[in-house]
Amino acid sequence: MTSQTTANAPRRPDEERAAARLLVSGLVQGVYYRATCAEKARELGLVGWVRNLPDGRVEALAEGPRPAIHHLISWCWQGPPAARVSDVRVQWQDPSGQHTEFQVHR
C-alpha cells in the first residue's frame, strides 16, 4: 500500500505552516550571509526573502513548515563561515501565502 498526499488530507502537526521575520545582528554584511541564507531556506523548502538593512543587520522573512523555520533560525545563529552573529531576533506571524520562492533582495 502506498500513501498519497491530497489537498484535502489533514496536515501532520509538524507540517503546520508558519512565518517568521528574522533580524540578524553582528558581522553579517559583506560575508555572503544573504546568499547562503537563501540557499539554506530553499534547501529547507521555505519561501520568502532576505535583505541587508542600512544599519548593518540582515532581515529575512521565511514561510513554510514550522520545523523548517526553526532549522533556519538555528542556521542563522551561525551563518556562513566569515559571519560573526551576535543576535537573532524572531517575530512569529501568520503566513501570507504571497511568496512562491525564496529571494535575495538587493
N, C-alpha and C. Protein backbone atom coordinates (compact mmCIF):
# COMPACT_ATOMS: atom_id res chain seq x y z
N MET A 1 0.84 -1.18 0.00
CA MET A 1 0.00 0.00 0.00
C MET A 1 0.89 1.24 0.00
N THR A 2 0.59 2.21 -0.84
CA THR A 2 1.35 3.45 -0.89
C THR A 2 0.51 4.57 -0.30
N SER A 3 1.18 5.53 0.27
CA SER A 3 0.43 6.67 0.81
C SER A 3 0.52 7.83 -0.16
N GLN A 4 -0.55 8.55 -0.26
CA GLN A 4 -0.59 9.71 -1.13
C GLN A 4 -1.07 10.90 -0.32
N THR A 5 -0.54 12.07 -0.66
CA THR A 5 -1.00 13.29 -0.03
C THR A 5 -1.94 13.99 -0.98
N THR A 6 -3.09 14.37 -0.48
CA THR A 6 -4.03 15.11 -1.30
C THR A 6 -4.28 16.46 -0.68
N ALA A 7 -4.85 17.35 -1.45
CA ALA A 7 -5.12 18.69 -0.96
C ALA A 7 -6.08 18.68 0.22
N ASN A 8 -6.94 17.68 0.30
CA ASN A 8 -7.92 17.61 1.38
C ASN A 8 -7.43 16.82 2.59
N ALA A 9 -6.28 16.19 2.48
CA ALA A 9 -5.78 15.39 3.60
C ALA A 9 -5.36 16.31 4.74
N PRO A 10 -5.62 15.88 5.97
CA PRO A 10 -5.19 16.72 7.10
C PRO A 10 -3.67 16.77 7.17
N ARG A 11 -3.16 17.91 7.58
CA ARG A 11 -1.71 18.06 7.72
C ARG A 11 -1.26 17.47 9.04
N ARG A 12 -0.08 16.90 9.02
CA ARG A 12 0.52 16.43 10.26
C ARG A 12 0.92 17.66 11.07
N PRO A 13 0.96 17.55 12.40
CA PRO A 13 1.32 18.71 13.23
C PRO A 13 2.67 19.31 12.87
N ASP A 14 3.63 18.47 12.44
CA ASP A 14 4.95 19.01 12.11
C ASP A 14 4.96 19.70 10.75
N GLU A 15 3.85 19.71 10.04
CA GLU A 15 3.76 20.39 8.76
C GLU A 15 3.01 21.72 8.87
N GLU A 16 2.70 22.14 10.09
CA GLU A 16 1.99 23.40 10.30
C GLU A 16 2.76 24.53 9.62
N ARG A 17 2.06 25.30 8.81
CA ARG A 17 2.71 26.41 8.12
C ARG A 17 2.76 27.61 9.04
N ALA A 18 3.87 28.30 8.96
CA ALA A 18 4.09 29.46 9.81
C ALA A 18 4.94 30.46 9.03
N ALA A 19 5.17 31.60 9.65
CA ALA A 19 6.06 32.61 9.08
C ALA A 19 6.82 33.28 10.21
N ALA A 20 8.04 33.67 9.91
CA ALA A 20 8.85 34.36 10.91
C ALA A 20 9.68 35.44 10.23
N ARG A 21 9.72 36.60 10.89
CA ARG A 21 10.59 37.69 10.47
C ARG A 21 11.83 37.60 11.35
N LEU A 22 13.00 37.56 10.73
CA LEU A 22 14.26 37.40 11.44
C LEU A 22 15.10 38.66 11.27
N LEU A 23 15.69 39.13 12.36
CA LEU A 23 16.63 40.24 12.32
C LEU A 23 17.94 39.72 12.90
N VAL A 24 18.98 39.70 12.06
CA VAL A 24 20.26 39.12 12.44
C VAL A 24 21.29 40.23 12.58
N SER A 25 21.94 40.27 13.74
CA SER A 25 22.93 41.30 14.04
C SER A 25 24.32 40.69 14.13
N GLY A 26 25.32 41.54 13.95
CA GLY A 26 26.71 41.12 14.04
C GLY A 26 27.42 41.46 12.74
N LEU A 27 28.48 40.74 12.44
CA LEU A 27 29.18 40.90 11.16
C LEU A 27 28.45 39.99 10.17
N VAL A 28 27.41 40.55 9.53
CA VAL A 28 26.55 39.74 8.67
C VAL A 28 26.37 40.34 7.27
N GLN A 29 27.04 41.45 7.01
CA GLN A 29 27.01 42.02 5.66
C GLN A 29 28.41 41.92 5.07
N GLY A 30 28.46 41.64 3.76
CA GLY A 30 29.75 41.52 3.09
C GLY A 30 30.42 40.17 3.33
N VAL A 31 29.67 39.20 3.83
CA VAL A 31 30.22 37.87 4.12
C VAL A 31 29.38 36.76 3.48
N TYR A 32 28.58 37.10 2.47
CA TYR A 32 27.72 36.17 1.75
C TYR A 32 26.59 35.62 2.62
N TYR A 33 26.19 36.39 3.62
CA TYR A 33 25.13 35.93 4.51
C TYR A 33 23.81 35.78 3.76
N ARG A 34 23.44 36.79 2.97
CA ARG A 34 22.16 36.71 2.25
C ARG A 34 22.11 35.53 1.31
N ALA A 35 23.16 35.34 0.53
CA ALA A 35 23.18 34.26 -0.47
C ALA A 35 23.10 32.89 0.20
N THR A 36 23.86 32.70 1.27
CA THR A 36 23.84 31.39 1.92
C THR A 36 22.56 31.18 2.72
N CYS A 37 21.99 32.25 3.27
CA CYS A 37 20.70 32.14 3.95
C CYS A 37 19.62 31.71 2.96
N ALA A 38 19.61 32.33 1.79
CA ALA A 38 18.63 31.97 0.77
C ALA A 38 18.82 30.53 0.31
N GLU A 39 20.06 30.12 0.15
CA GLU A 39 20.35 28.74 -0.26
C GLU A 39 19.83 27.75 0.80
N LYS A 40 20.08 28.05 2.07
CA LYS A 40 19.61 27.18 3.16
C LYS A 40 18.08 27.16 3.20
N ALA A 41 17.45 28.31 3.07
CA ALA A 41 15.99 28.39 3.10
C ALA A 41 15.38 27.56 1.96
N ARG A 42 15.94 27.67 0.78
CA ARG A 42 15.43 26.89 -0.37
C ARG A 42 15.60 25.39 -0.11
N GLU A 43 16.76 25.03 0.44
CA GLU A 43 17.04 23.63 0.78
C GLU A 43 16.00 23.09 1.77
N LEU A 44 15.52 23.95 2.64
CA LEU A 44 14.53 23.56 3.65
C LEU A 44 13.09 23.65 3.14
N GLY A 45 12.91 24.10 1.89
CA GLY A 45 11.57 24.21 1.32
C GLY A 45 10.81 25.44 1.76
N LEU A 46 11.54 26.48 2.18
CA LEU A 46 10.91 27.71 2.63
C LEU A 46 10.80 28.72 1.49
N VAL A 47 9.87 29.64 1.62
CA VAL A 47 9.72 30.76 0.69
C VAL A 47 9.83 32.05 1.47
N GLY A 48 10.11 33.15 0.76
CA GLY A 48 10.23 34.45 1.41
C GLY A 48 11.36 35.25 0.80
N TRP A 49 12.10 35.97 1.65
CA TRP A 49 13.18 36.82 1.15
C TRP A 49 14.18 37.12 2.27
N VAL A 50 15.34 37.64 1.84
CA VAL A 50 16.37 38.09 2.77
C VAL A 50 16.99 39.35 2.17
N ARG A 51 17.35 40.32 3.04
CA ARG A 51 17.93 41.57 2.55
C ARG A 51 18.83 42.19 3.63
N ASN A 52 19.74 43.06 3.17
CA ASN A 52 20.56 43.85 4.08
C ASN A 52 19.76 45.07 4.52
N LEU A 53 19.98 45.51 5.75
CA LEU A 53 19.39 46.74 6.26
C LEU A 53 20.48 47.81 6.37
N PRO A 54 20.11 49.07 6.26
CA PRO A 54 21.10 50.15 6.32
C PRO A 54 21.90 50.18 7.63
N ASP A 55 21.35 49.62 8.70
CA ASP A 55 22.04 49.66 10.00
C ASP A 55 23.04 48.51 10.20
N GLY A 56 23.27 47.70 9.15
CA GLY A 56 24.24 46.62 9.24
C GLY A 56 23.66 45.26 9.54
N ARG A 57 22.37 45.20 9.87
CA ARG A 57 21.74 43.91 10.14
C ARG A 57 21.24 43.29 8.84
N VAL A 58 20.86 42.02 8.93
CA VAL A 58 20.21 41.31 7.83
C VAL A 58 18.80 40.98 8.31
N GLU A 59 17.83 41.19 7.43
CA GLU A 59 16.43 40.88 7.73
C GLU A 59 15.97 39.79 6.77
N ALA A 60 15.19 38.86 7.28
CA ALA A 60 14.63 37.80 6.43
C ALA A 60 13.19 37.55 6.83
N LEU A 61 12.40 37.12 5.88
CA LEU A 61 11.04 36.66 6.12
C LEU A 61 10.97 35.25 5.54
N ALA A 62 10.66 34.28 6.39
CA ALA A 62 10.59 32.89 5.95
C ALA A 62 9.21 32.34 6.23
N GLU A 63 8.66 31.65 5.23
CA GLU A 63 7.35 31.00 5.37
C GLU A 63 7.48 29.55 4.96
N GLY A 64 6.77 28.69 5.69
CA GLY A 64 6.77 27.27 5.37
C GLY A 64 6.49 26.46 6.61
N PRO A 65 6.84 25.17 6.59
CA PRO A 65 6.61 24.33 7.75
C PRO A 65 7.38 24.85 8.97
N ARG A 66 6.72 24.90 10.11
CA ARG A 66 7.33 25.45 11.33
C ARG A 66 8.68 24.78 11.66
N PRO A 67 8.81 23.43 11.56
CA PRO A 67 10.11 22.83 11.88
C PRO A 67 11.23 23.32 10.96
N ALA A 68 10.90 23.58 9.69
CA ALA A 68 11.91 24.08 8.76
C ALA A 68 12.33 25.50 9.14
N ILE A 69 11.39 26.31 9.60
CA ILE A 69 11.73 27.66 10.05
C ILE A 69 12.63 27.60 11.28
N HIS A 70 12.32 26.69 12.20
CA HIS A 70 13.18 26.51 13.37
C HIS A 70 14.60 26.13 12.96
N HIS A 71 14.71 25.28 11.95
CA HIS A 71 16.03 24.87 11.44
C HIS A 71 16.76 26.08 10.85
N LEU A 72 16.05 26.91 10.10
CA LEU A 72 16.67 28.11 9.53
C LEU A 72 17.12 29.06 10.64
N ILE A 73 16.31 29.22 11.67
CA ILE A 73 16.69 30.09 12.79
C ILE A 73 18.00 29.58 13.42
N SER A 74 18.10 28.28 13.62
CA SER A 74 19.34 27.71 14.17
C SER A 74 20.52 28.00 13.26
N TRP A 75 20.31 27.84 11.94
CA TRP A 75 21.38 28.14 10.99
C TRP A 75 21.78 29.61 11.07
N CYS A 76 20.80 30.51 11.23
CA CYS A 76 21.07 31.95 11.26
C CYS A 76 22.03 32.32 12.39
N TRP A 77 22.03 31.59 13.48
CA TRP A 77 22.95 31.88 14.59
C TRP A 77 24.40 31.63 14.19
N GLN A 78 24.62 30.80 13.19
CA GLN A 78 25.98 30.52 12.73
C GLN A 78 26.27 31.27 11.44
N GLY A 79 25.40 31.12 10.46
CA GLY A 79 25.62 31.77 9.17
C GLY A 79 26.78 31.17 8.41
N PRO A 80 27.25 31.85 7.37
CA PRO A 80 28.38 31.36 6.60
C PRO A 80 29.67 31.50 7.42
N PRO A 81 30.76 30.86 6.97
CA PRO A 81 31.99 30.85 7.75
C PRO A 81 32.53 32.22 8.17
N ALA A 82 32.43 33.23 7.34
CA ALA A 82 33.01 34.54 7.66
C ALA A 82 32.11 35.40 8.57
N ALA A 83 30.88 34.97 8.79
CA ALA A 83 29.95 35.76 9.61
C ALA A 83 30.28 35.61 11.10
N ARG A 84 29.94 36.65 11.85
CA ARG A 84 30.05 36.63 13.31
C ARG A 84 28.72 37.15 13.85
N VAL A 85 27.80 36.24 14.14
CA VAL A 85 26.44 36.60 14.55
C VAL A 85 26.42 36.88 16.05
N SER A 86 25.84 38.03 16.41
CA SER A 86 25.72 38.38 17.83
C SER A 86 24.28 38.24 18.34
N ASP A 87 23.29 38.27 17.45
CA ASP A 87 21.90 38.17 17.88
C ASP A 87 21.01 37.80 16.72
N VAL A 88 19.98 37.02 17.01
CA VAL A 88 18.93 36.70 16.03
C VAL A 88 17.60 36.94 16.74
N ARG A 89 16.87 37.93 16.28
CA ARG A 89 15.54 38.23 16.83
C ARG A 89 14.50 37.59 15.92
N VAL A 90 13.50 36.98 16.52
CA VAL A 90 12.47 36.27 15.76
C VAL A 90 11.11 36.82 16.13
N GLN A 91 10.34 37.18 15.12
CA GLN A 91 8.96 37.62 15.33
C GLN A 91 8.06 36.70 14.51
N TRP A 92 7.29 35.85 15.19
CA TRP A 92 6.39 34.94 14.51
C TRP A 92 5.16 35.69 14.03
N GLN A 93 4.65 35.29 12.87
CA GLN A 93 3.46 35.91 12.31
C GLN A 93 2.72 34.89 11.47
N ASP A 94 1.53 35.26 11.05
CA ASP A 94 0.76 34.38 10.17
C ASP A 94 1.36 34.41 8.77
N PRO A 95 1.45 33.26 8.11
CA PRO A 95 1.98 33.25 6.74
C PRO A 95 1.02 33.98 5.79
N SER A 96 1.60 34.74 4.87
CA SER A 96 0.79 35.50 3.92
C SER A 96 0.41 34.66 2.70
N GLY A 97 1.25 33.68 2.37
CA GLY A 97 0.99 32.87 1.19
C GLY A 97 1.29 33.57 -0.11
N GLN A 98 1.88 34.76 -0.06
CA GLN A 98 2.13 35.52 -1.29
C GLN A 98 3.46 35.18 -1.96
N HIS A 99 4.34 34.46 -1.28
CA HIS A 99 5.65 34.14 -1.85
C HIS A 99 5.63 32.75 -2.48
N THR A 100 6.35 32.61 -3.59
CA THR A 100 6.42 31.33 -4.28
C THR A 100 7.84 30.77 -4.30
N GLU A 101 8.82 31.57 -3.89
CA GLU A 101 10.20 31.15 -3.84
C GLU A 101 10.92 31.99 -2.78
N PHE A 102 12.19 31.65 -2.52
CA PHE A 102 12.97 32.43 -1.56
C PHE A 102 13.94 33.29 -2.36
N GLN A 103 13.85 34.60 -2.19
CA GLN A 103 14.63 35.55 -2.98
C GLN A 103 15.60 36.35 -2.13
N VAL A 104 16.68 36.78 -2.78
CA VAL A 104 17.61 37.72 -2.18
C VAL A 104 17.24 39.10 -2.71
N HIS A 105 16.89 39.99 -1.81
CA HIS A 105 16.59 41.37 -2.21
C HIS A 105 17.86 42.21 -2.09
N ARG A 106 18.05 43.08 -3.03
CA ARG A 106 19.23 43.96 -3.04
C ARG A 106 18.94 45.23 -2.31
